[in-house]
Amino acid sequence: AWSIDEEKFEQISGAVDGQSQELPETT
């Protein structure tokens, strides 16, 4: 079972223009 820091994920999820990633599932 994973715990993700959503704020830090937001900082890198849009690093590539047009390829923003959704928050991964946690299990």
PDB file of all heavy atoms in Angstrom:
ATOM      1  N   ALA A   1       0.857  -1.184   0.000  1.00  0.00           N
ATOM      2  CA  ALA A   1       0.000   0.000   0.000  1.00  0.00           C
ATOM      3  C   ALA A   1       0.893   1.234   0.000  1.00  0.00           C
ATOM      4  O   ALA A   1       1.718   1.413   0.904  1.00  0.00           O
ATOM      5  CB  ALA A   1      -0.911  -0.001   1.225  1.00  0.00           C
ATOM      6  N   TRP A   2       0.738   2.095  -1.025  1.00  0.00           N
ATOM      7  CA  TRP A   2       1.584   3.274  -1.210  1.00  0.00           C
ATOM      8  C   TRP A   2       0.905   4.532  -0.675  1.00  0.00           C
ATOM      9  O   TRP A   2      -0.314   4.685  -0.749  1.00  0.00           O
ATOM     10  CB  TRP A   2       1.902   3.478  -2.689  1.00  0.00           C
ATOM     11  CG  TRP A   2       2.920   2.527  -3.221  1.00  0.00           C
ATOM     12  CD1 TRP A   2       2.686   1.283  -3.749  1.00  0.00           C
ATOM     13  CD2 TRP A   2       4.320   2.730  -3.284  1.00  0.00           C
ATOM     14  NE1 TRP A   2       3.869   0.706  -4.136  1.00  0.00           N
ATOM     15  CE2 TRP A   2       4.887   1.573  -3.864  1.00  0.00           C
ATOM     16  CE3 TRP A   2       5.164   3.783  -2.911  1.00  0.00           C
ATOM     17  CZ2 TRP A   2       6.252   1.441  -4.067  1.00  0.00           C
ATOM     18  CZ3 TRP A   2       6.529   3.658  -3.116  1.00  0.00           C
ATOM     19  CH2 TRP A   2       7.065   2.489  -3.689  1.00  0.00           C
ATOM     20  N   SER A   3       1.751   5.423  -0.156  1.00  0.00           N
ATOM     21  CA  SER A   3       1.324   6.758   0.242  1.00  0.00           C
ATOM     22  C   SER A   3       2.108   7.759  -0.602  1.00  0.00           C
ATOM     23  O   SER A   3       3.342   7.716  -0.627  1.00  0.00           O
ATOM     24  CB  SER A   3       1.597   6.991   1.736  1.00  0.00           C
ATOM     25  OG  SER A   3       1.311   8.330   2.093  1.00  0.00           O
ATOM     26  N   ILE A   4       1.400   8.649  -1.311  1.00  0.00           N
ATOM     27  CA  ILE A   4       2.034   9.566  -2.255  1.00  0.00           C
ATOM     28  C   ILE A   4       1.855  11.007  -1.791  1.00  0.00           C
ATOM     29  O   ILE A   4       0.760  11.409  -1.390  1.00  0.00           O
ATOM     30  CB  ILE A   4       1.425   9.405  -3.662  1.00  0.00           C
ATOM     31  CG1 ILE A   4       1.529   7.956  -4.127  1.00  0.00           C
ATOM     32  CG2 ILE A   4       2.105  10.341  -4.657  1.00  0.00           C
ATOM     33  CD1 ILE A   4       0.771   7.674  -5.404  1.00  0.00           C
ATOM     34  N   ASP A   5       2.933  11.774  -1.824  1.00  0.00           N
ATOM     35  CA  ASP A   5       2.865  13.200  -1.533  1.00  0.00           C
ATOM     36  C   ASP A   5       2.330  13.896  -2.783  1.00  0.00           C
ATOM     37  O   ASP A   5       3.051  14.086  -3.771  1.00  0.00           O
ATOM     38  CB  ASP A   5       4.250  13.735  -1.167  1.00  0.00           C
ATOM     39  CG  ASP A   5       4.197  15.174  -0.662  1.00  0.00           C
ATOM     40  OD1 ASP A   5       3.509  16.000  -1.299  1.00  0.00           O
ATOM     41  OD2 ASP A   5       4.855  15.475   0.358  1.00  0.00           O
ATOM     42  N   GLU A   6       1.077  14.278  -2.764  1.00  0.00           N
ATOM     43  CA  GLU A   6       0.432  14.826  -3.950  1.00  0.00           C
ATOM     44  C   GLU A   6       1.030  16.163  -4.375  1.00  0.00           C
ATOM     45  O   GLU A   6       1.080  16.481  -5.564  1.00  0.00           O
ATOM     46  CB  GLU A   6      -1.072  14.967  -3.702  1.00  0.00           C
ATOM     47  CG  GLU A   6      -1.769  13.624  -3.475  1.00  0.00           C
ATOM     48  CD  GLU A   6      -3.278  13.767  -3.410  1.00  0.00           C
ATOM     49  OE1 GLU A   6      -3.797  14.801  -3.888  1.00  0.00           O
ATOM     50  OE2 GLU A   6      -3.938  12.848  -2.898  1.00  0.00           O
ATOM     51  N   GLU A   7       1.486  16.967  -3.413  1.00  0.00           N
ATOM     52  CA  GLU A   7       2.081  18.252  -3.772  1.00  0.00           C
ATOM     53  C   GLU A   7       3.365  18.065  -4.562  1.00  0.00           C
ATOM     54  O   GLU A   7       3.598  18.739  -5.571  1.00  0.00           O
ATOM     55  CB  GLU A   7       2.353  19.075  -2.514  1.00  0.00           C
ATOM     56  CG  GLU A   7       1.091  19.561  -1.810  1.00  0.00           C
ATOM     57  CD  GLU A   7       1.425  20.467  -0.639  1.00  0.00           C
ATOM     58  OE1 GLU A   7       2.621  20.780  -0.446  1.00  0.00           O
ATOM     59  OE2 GLU A   7       0.485  20.860   0.077  1.00  0.00           O
ATOM     60  N   LYS A   8       4.211  17.147  -4.107  1.00  0.00           N
ATOM     61  CA  LYS A   8       5.464  16.901  -4.827  1.00  0.00           C
ATOM     62  C   LYS A   8       5.199  16.259  -6.184  1.00  0.00           C
ATOM     63  O   LYS A   8       5.910  16.505  -7.160  1.00  0.00           O
ATOM     64  CB  LYS A   8       6.394  16.030  -3.979  1.00  0.00           C
ATOM     65  CG  LYS A   8       6.984  16.771  -2.788  1.00  0.00           C
ATOM     66  CD  LYS A   8       8.038  15.941  -2.099  1.00  0.00           C
ATOM     67  CE  LYS A   8       8.715  16.754  -0.991  1.00  0.00           C
ATOM     68  NZ  LYS A   8       9.498  17.885  -1.560  1.00  0.00           N
ATOM     69  N   PHE A   9       4.174  15.403  -6.257  1.00  0.00           N
ATOM     70  CA  PHE A   9       3.844  14.794  -7.540  1.00  0.00           C
ATOM     71  C   PHE A   9       3.384  15.859  -8.544  1.00  0.00           C
ATOM     72  O   PHE A   9       3.727  15.800  -9.723  1.00  0.00           O
ATOM     73  CB  PHE A   9       2.756  13.735  -7.358  1.00  0.00           C
ATOM     74  CG  PHE A   9       2.433  12.998  -8.623  1.00  0.00           C
ATOM     75  CD1 PHE A   9       3.213  11.932  -9.043  1.00  0.00           C
ATOM     76  CD2 PHE A   9       1.352  13.372  -9.412  1.00  0.00           C
ATOM     77  CE1 PHE A   9       2.925  11.255 -10.221  1.00  0.00           C
ATOM     78  CE2 PHE A   9       1.054  12.708 -10.582  1.00  0.00           C
ATOM     79  CZ  PHE A   9       1.844  11.640 -10.986  1.00  0.00           C
ATOM     80  N   GLU A  10       2.638  16.846  -8.069  1.00  0.00           N
ATOM     81  CA  GLU A  10       2.172  17.907  -8.954  1.00  0.00           C
ATOM     82  C   GLU A  10       3.333  18.702  -9.537  1.00  0.00           C
ATOM     83  O   GLU A  10       3.265  19.203 -10.654  1.00  0.00           O
ATOM     84  CB  GLU A  10       1.229  18.842  -8.192  1.00  0.00           C
ATOM     85  CG  GLU A  10      -0.153  18.271  -7.942  1.00  0.00           C
ATOM     86  CD  GLU A  10      -0.909  18.012  -9.232  1.00  0.00           C
ATOM     87  OE1 GLU A  10      -0.710  18.790 -10.189  1.00  0.00           O
ATOM     88  OE2 GLU A  10      -1.666  17.033  -9.298  1.00  0.00           O
ATOM     89  N   GLN A  11       4.421  18.795  -8.776  1.00  0.00           N
ATOM     90  CA  GLN A  11       5.573  19.563  -9.237  1.00  0.00           C
ATOM     91  C   GLN A  11       6.256  18.937 -10.448  1.00  0.00           C
ATOM     92  O   GLN A  11       6.912  19.622 -11.221  1.00  0.00           O
ATOM     93  CB  GLN A  11       6.589  19.721  -8.101  1.00  0.00           C
ATOM     94  CG  GLN A  11       6.086  20.545  -6.935  1.00  0.00           C
ATOM     95  CD  GLN A  11       7.064  20.550  -5.776  1.00  0.00           C
ATOM     96  OE1 GLN A  11       8.145  19.947  -5.852  1.00  0.00           O
ATOM     97  NE2 GLN A  11       6.710  21.229  -4.705  1.00  0.00           N
ATOM     98  N   ILE A  12       6.113  17.631 -10.619  1.00  0.00           N
ATOM     99  CA  ILE A  12       6.800  16.959 -11.721  1.00  0.00           C
ATOM    100  C   ILE A  12       5.846  16.350 -12.738  1.00  0.00           C
ATOM    101  O   ILE A  12       6.269  15.943 -13.816  1.00  0.00           O
ATOM    102  CB  ILE A  12       7.735  15.846 -11.183  1.00  0.00           C
ATOM    103  CG1 ILE A  12       6.927  14.784 -10.434  1.00  0.00           C
ATOM    104  CG2 ILE A  12       8.804  16.427 -10.292  1.00  0.00           C
ATOM    105  CD1 ILE A  12       7.753  13.597  -9.997  1.00  0.00           C
ATOM    106  N   SER A  13       4.547  16.281 -12.432  1.00  0.00           N
ATOM    107  CA  SER A  13       3.615  15.586 -13.317  1.00  0.00           C
ATOM    108  C   SER A  13       3.472  16.278 -14.662  1.00  0.00           C
ATOM    109  O   SER A  13       3.137  15.639 -15.658  1.00  0.00           O
ATOM    110  CB  SER A  13       2.245  15.454 -12.649  1.00  0.00           C
ATOM    111  OG  SER A  13       1.693  16.735 -12.397  1.00  0.00           O
ATOM    112  N   GLY A  14       3.696  17.585 -14.713  1.00  0.00           N
ATOM    113  CA  GLY A  14       3.571  18.298 -15.978  1.00  0.00           C
ATOM    114  C   GLY A  14       4.898  18.676 -16.583  1.00  0.00           C
ATOM    115  O   GLY A  14       4.991  19.645 -17.340  1.00  0.00           O
ATOM    116  N   ALA A  15       5.933  17.901 -16.291  1.00  0.00           N
ATOM    117  CA  ALA A  15       7.281  18.239 -16.757  1.00  0.00           C
ATOM    118  C   ALA A  15       7.381  18.222 -18.275  1.00  0.00           C
ATOM    119  O   ALA A  15       8.102  19.011 -18.871  1.00  0.00           O
ATOM    120  CB  ALA A  15       8.298  17.268 -16.150  1.00  0.00           C
ATOM    121  N   VAL A  16       6.631  17.342 -18.936  1.00  0.00           N
ATOM    122  CA  VAL A  16       6.657  17.244 -20.387  1.00  0.00           C
ATOM    123  C   VAL A  16       5.363  17.847 -20.929  1.00  0.00           C
ATOM    124  O   VAL A  16       4.268  17.374 -20.600  1.00  0.00           O
ATOM    125  CB  VAL A  16       6.813  15.778 -20.849  1.00  0.00           C
ATOM    126  CG1 VAL A  16       6.853  15.709 -22.370  1.00  0.00           C
ATOM    127  CG2 VAL A  16       8.063  15.167 -20.247  1.00  0.00           C
ATOM    128  N   ASP A  17       5.474  18.874 -21.751  1.00  0.00           N
ATOM    129  CA  ASP A  17       4.304  19.550 -22.291  1.00  0.00           C
ATOM    130  C   ASP A  17       3.385  18.578 -23.023  1.00  0.00           C
ATOM    131  O   ASP A  17       3.824  17.794 -23.864  1.00  0.00           O
ATOM    132  CB  ASP A  17       4.730  20.672 -23.241  1.00  0.00           C
ATOM    133  CG  ASP A  17       5.419  21.818 -22.515  1.00  0.00           C
ATOM    134  OD1 ASP A  17       5.204  21.927 -21.294  1.00  0.00           O
ATOM    135  OD2 ASP A  17       6.168  22.567 -23.166  1.00  0.00           O
ATOM    136  N   GLY A  18       2.115  18.646 -22.678  1.00  0.00           N
ATOM    137  CA  GLY A  18       1.134  17.823 -23.355  1.00  0.00           C
ATOM    138  C   GLY A  18       1.083  16.384 -22.888  1.00  0.00           C
ATOM    139  O   GLY A  18       0.322  15.582 -23.424  1.00  0.00           O
ATOM    140  N   GLN A  19       1.905  16.031 -21.872  1.00  0.00           N
ATOM    141  CA  GLN A  19       1.943  14.642 -21.390  1.00  0.00           C
ATOM    142  C   GLN A  19       1.821  14.596 -19.873  1.00  0.00           C
ATOM    143  O   GLN A  19       2.527  13.859 -19.200  1.00  0.00           O
ATOM    144  CB  GLN A  19       3.229  13.953 -21.844  1.00  0.00           C
ATOM    145  CG  GLN A  19       3.359  13.848 -23.349  1.00  0.00           C
ATOM    146  CD  GLN A  19       4.568  13.058 -23.761  1.00  0.00           C
ATOM    147  OE1 GLN A  19       5.037  12.188 -23.017  1.00  0.00           O
ATOM    148  NE2 GLN A  19       5.087  13.315 -24.954  1.00  0.00           N
ATOM    149  N   SER A  20       0.959  15.420 -19.335  1.00  0.00           N
ATOM    150  CA  SER A  20       0.756  15.442 -17.896  1.00  0.00           C
ATOM    151  C   SER A  20       0.235  14.087 -17.417  1.00  0.00           C
ATOM    152  O   SER A  20      -0.660  13.497 -18.025  1.00  0.00           O
ATOM    153  CB  SER A  20      -0.234  16.547 -17.526  1.00  0.00           C
ATOM    154  OG  SER A  20      -0.434  16.581 -16.122  1.00  0.00           O
ATOM    155  N   GLN A  21       0.798  13.598 -16.310  1.00  0.00           N
ATOM    156  CA  GLN A  21       0.446  12.273 -15.794  1.00  0.00           C
ATOM    157  C   GLN A  21      -0.599  12.388 -14.684  1.00  0.00           C
ATOM    158  O   GLN A  21      -0.611  13.353 -13.913  1.00  0.00           O
ATOM    159  CB  GLN A  21       1.694  11.579 -15.247  1.00  0.00           C
ATOM    160  CG  GLN A  21       2.791  11.379 -16.276  1.00  0.00           C
ATOM    161  CD  GLN A  21       2.409  10.352 -17.319  1.00  0.00           C
ATOM    162  OE1 GLN A  21       1.608   9.462 -17.049  1.00  0.00           O
ATOM    163  NE2 GLN A  21       2.979  10.476 -18.502  1.00  0.00           N
ATOM    164  N   GLU A  22      -1.465  11.390 -14.612  1.00  0.00           N
ATOM    165  CA  GLU A  22      -2.430  11.335 -13.531  1.00  0.00           C
ATOM    166  C   GLU A  22      -1.790  10.696 -12.306  1.00  0.00           C
ATOM    167  O   GLU A  22      -0.810   9.965 -12.406  1.00  0.00           O
ATOM    168  CB  GLU A  22      -3.650  10.521 -13.945  1.00  0.00           C
ATOM    169  CG  GLU A  22      -4.440  11.124 -15.095  1.00  0.00           C
ATOM    170  CD  GLU A  22      -5.655  10.290 -15.456  1.00  0.00           C
ATOM    171  OE1 GLU A  22      -5.824   9.216 -14.821  1.00  0.00           O
ATOM    172  OE2 GLU A  22      -6.402  10.698 -16.344  1.00  0.00           O
ATOM    173  N   LEU A  23      -2.349  10.972 -11.154  1.00  0.00           N
ATOM    174  CA  LEU A  23      -1.833  10.410  -9.911  1.00  0.00           C
ATOM    175  C   LEU A  23      -1.966   8.891  -9.936  1.00  0.00           C
ATOM    176  O   LEU A  23      -3.052   8.363 -10.187  1.00  0.00           O
ATOM    177  CB  LEU A  23      -2.608  10.976  -8.723  1.00  0.00           C
ATOM    178  CG  LEU A  23      -2.035  10.673  -7.332  1.00  0.00           C
ATOM    179  CD1 LEU A  23      -0.729  11.433  -7.136  1.00  0.00           C
ATOM    180  CD2 LEU A  23      -3.038  11.058  -6.245  1.00  0.00           C
ATOM    181  N   PRO A  24      -0.875   8.152  -9.714  1.00  0.00           N
ATOM    182  CA  PRO A  24      -0.937   6.689  -9.778  1.00  0.00           C
ATOM    183  C   PRO A  24      -1.822   6.109  -8.682  1.00  0.00           C
ATOM    184  O   PRO A  24      -2.036   6.726  -7.641  1.00  0.00           O
ATOM    185  CB  PRO A  24       0.525   6.259  -9.577  1.00  0.00           C
ATOM    186  CG  PRO A  24       1.327   7.475  -9.879  1.00  0.00           C
ATOM    187  CD  PRO A  24       0.485   8.637  -9.484  1.00  0.00           C
ATOM    188  N   GLU A  25      -2.321   4.904  -8.927  1.00  0.00           N
ATOM    189  CA  GLU A  25      -3.036   4.179  -7.885  1.00  0.00           C
ATOM    190  C   GLU A  25      -2.059   3.751  -6.803  1.00  0.00           C
ATOM    191  O   GLU A  25      -0.837   3.736  -7.001  1.00  0.00           O
ATOM    192  CB  GLU A  25      -3.759   2.970  -8.476  1.00  0.00           C
ATOM    193  CG  GLU A  25      -4.857   3.332  -9.461  1.00  0.00           C
ATOM    194  CD  GLU A  25      -6.020   4.046  -8.804  1.00  0.00           C
ATOM    195  OE1 GLU A  25      -6.189   3.888  -7.577  1.00  0.00           O
ATOM    196  OE2 GLU A  25      -6.752   4.754  -9.514  1.00  0.00           O
ATOM    197  N   THR A  26      -2.561   3.361  -5.666  1.00  0.00           N
ATOM    198  CA  THR A  26      -1.705   3.200  -4.486  1.00  0.00           C
ATOM    199  C   THR A  26      -1.649   1.789  -3.934  1.00  0.00           C
ATOM    200  O   THR A  26      -1.212   1.592  -2.803  1.00  0.00           O
ATOM    201  CB  THR A  26      -2.177   4.151  -3.374  1.00  0.00           C
ATOM    202  OG1 THR A  26      -3.554   3.885  -3.092  1.00  0.00           O
ATOM    203  CG2 THR A  26      -2.001   5.587  -3.800  1.00  0.00           C
ATOM    204  N   THR A  27      -2.093   0.793  -4.684  1.00  0.00           N
ATOM    205  CA  THR A  27      -1.975  -0.584  -4.202  1.00  0.00           C
ATOM    206  C   THR A  27      -1.375  -1.461  -5.276  1.00  0.00           C
ATOM    207  O   THR A  27      -1.521  -1.203  -6.468  1.00  0.00           O
ATOM    208  CB  THR A  27      -3.347  -1.164  -3.806  1.00  0.00           C
ATOM    209  OG1 THR A  27      -4.217  -1.136  -4.930  1.00  0.00           O
ATOM    210  CG2 THR A  27      -3.953  -0.382  -2.654  1.00  0.00           C
TER     211      THR A  27
END
